[in-house]
Amino acid sequence: MSNFIDWLVGRRRIEHKEGIGLSLAIYFINKFKDRAFTFKGLKNKYFGIRGEELLKLIQEELDSMLVLYRYTTRVKTYTDRKGVSQVKIKLIGRASTMDRYNPLDIELSINTEMPNSP
């Protein structure tokens, strides 16, 4: 279903990556550091933030949590209809050691915004 939606929206060269921990997310944030990001945390949404500021916000978000989580990072990179590279990052925090549903599990999402072009 996701492939059909990607085709319908006009996304090309789609790549999915998954890794344990946060290092994959940090790599892609640094790779797109000259772009603006949207970050949806547990309480707040942030728009138009730069890479360094985003890393600080993620660190603050992780430090404010009372539960220790095991993090999995899912990254989707693609080229949109206009030929601009985009990235969607999901940080999935699991509170338990099993992969079953737990109401304490969290999900943080990070997306690149369209660059301002004159």
Protein backbone atom coordinates (compact mmCIF):
# COMPACT_ATOMS: atom_id res chain seq x y z
CA MET A 1 0.00 0.00 0.00
CA SER A 2 2.84 2.36 0.82
CA ASN A 3 4.37 1.86 -2.62
CA PHE A 4 1.10 2.82 -4.29
CA ILE A 5 0.83 6.00 -2.21
CA ASP A 6 4.46 6.89 -2.96
CA TRP A 7 3.80 6.40 -6.69
CA LEU A 8 0.60 8.46 -6.49
CA VAL A 9 2.34 11.35 -4.73
CA GLY A 10 5.21 11.23 -7.26
CA ARG A 11 8.05 10.04 -5.04
CA ARG A 12 11.00 8.45 -6.79
CA ARG A 13 14.18 6.65 -5.69
CA ILE A 14 12.69 5.54 -2.38
CA GLU A 15 15.03 3.89 0.12
CA HIS A 16 14.10 2.44 3.50
CA LYS A 17 16.67 1.95 6.25
CA GLU A 18 16.29 0.70 9.81
CA GLY A 19 18.75 0.62 12.67
CA ILE A 20 18.96 0.06 16.38
CA GLY A 21 19.66 3.16 18.45
CA LEU A 22 19.78 6.79 17.37
CA SER A 23 22.96 6.86 15.28
CA LEU A 24 21.11 6.43 11.96
CA ALA A 25 18.89 9.42 12.77
CA ILE A 26 21.90 11.56 13.70
CA TYR A 27 23.64 10.57 10.46
CA PHE A 28 20.71 11.68 8.30
CA ILE A 29 20.15 14.89 10.27
CA ASN A 30 23.79 15.77 9.66
CA LYS A 31 23.49 14.76 5.99
CA PHE A 32 20.59 17.23 5.52
CA LYS A 33 21.98 19.81 7.97
CA ASP A 34 21.51 22.76 5.60
CA ARG A 35 17.76 22.09 5.42
CA ALA A 36 14.93 22.97 7.79
CA PHE A 37 13.16 20.21 9.71
CA THR A 38 9.81 19.57 11.32
CA PHE A 39 10.02 17.70 14.63
CA LYS A 40 7.02 16.18 16.37
CA GLY A 41 7.89 15.29 19.93
CA LEU A 42 5.68 13.97 22.68
CA LYS A 43 4.30 17.36 23.71
CA ASN A 44 5.27 19.95 21.11
CA LYS A 45 5.69 20.33 17.36
CA TYR A 46 8.55 22.40 16.00
CA PHE A 47 8.70 23.82 12.48
CA GLY A 48 11.59 25.33 10.52
CA ILE A 49 14.41 24.26 12.82
CA ARG A 50 17.99 23.63 11.67
CA GLY A 51 20.02 20.45 12.19
CA GLU A 52 22.06 21.53 15.23
CA GLU A 53 18.99 22.91 16.97
CA LEU A 54 17.09 19.72 16.14
CA LEU A 55 19.76 17.56 17.77
CA LYS A 56 19.49 19.68 20.94
CA LEU A 57 15.68 19.34 20.95
CA ILE A 58 15.92 15.58 20.56
CA GLN A 59 18.39 15.40 23.44
CA GLU A 60 16.10 17.52 25.65
CA GLU A 61 13.15 15.31 24.72
CA LEU A 62 15.04 12.14 25.59
CA ASP A 63 16.36 13.59 28.86
CA SER A 64 12.86 14.56 30.00
CA MET A 65 11.53 11.00 29.84
CA LEU A 66 11.07 8.98 32.98
CA VAL A 67 11.15 5.58 31.30
CA LEU A 68 14.24 4.11 29.64
CA TYR A 69 13.49 3.08 26.08
CA ARG A 70 15.09 0.84 23.46
CA TYR A 71 15.14 2.94 20.30
CA THR A 72 14.72 1.82 16.72
CA THR A 73 15.24 4.33 13.91
CA ARG A 74 13.36 4.03 10.63
CA VAL A 75 14.43 6.27 7.77
CA LYS A 76 12.76 6.80 4.41
CA THR A 77 14.65 8.85 1.82
CA TYR A 78 13.12 9.80 -1.50
CA THR A 79 13.07 12.36 -4.26
CA ASP A 80 9.79 14.23 -4.49
CA ARG A 81 7.90 15.31 -7.58
CA LYS A 82 9.99 18.49 -7.89
CA GLY A 83 13.29 16.58 -7.75
CA VAL A 84 14.19 17.62 -4.20
CA SER A 85 15.65 15.01 -1.83
CA GLN A 86 13.56 14.49 1.28
CA VAL A 87 13.88 12.36 4.41
CA LYS A 88 11.37 11.06 6.97
CA ILE A 89 12.76 9.73 10.24
CA LYS A 90 10.82 7.87 12.92
CA LEU A 91 12.31 7.23 16.33
CA ILE A 92 10.40 4.40 17.94
CA GLY A 93 10.95 3.90 21.66
CA ARG A 94 9.91 0.62 23.22
CA ALA A 95 9.52 0.37 26.98
CA SER A 96 9.44 -3.42 27.22
CA THR A 97 11.83 -6.08 26.03
CA MET A 98 9.14 -7.75 23.94
CA ASP A 99 7.87 -6.42 20.63
CA ARG A 100 4.24 -6.49 21.70
CA TYR A 101 2.04 -3.46 22.18
CA ASN A 102 2.80 -1.45 25.29
CA PRO A 103 0.95 1.78 26.13
CA LEU A 104 4.25 3.35 27.24
CA ASP A 105 5.81 3.01 23.78
CA ILE A 106 6.52 6.30 22.00
CA GLU A 107 7.14 7.54 18.48
CA LEU A 108 8.94 10.74 17.48
CA SER A 109 8.91 11.89 13.87
CA ILE A 110 11.27 14.15 11.92
CA ASN A 111 10.67 15.39 8.37
CA THR A 112 12.57 17.74 6.10
CA GLU A 113 10.79 20.82 4.85
CA MET A 114 10.91 22.19 1.33
CA PRO A 115 13.91 24.48 0.84
CA ASN A 116 13.24 28.15 0.23
CA SER A 117 14.27 28.94 -3.32
CA PRO A 118 14.20 32.43 -4.76
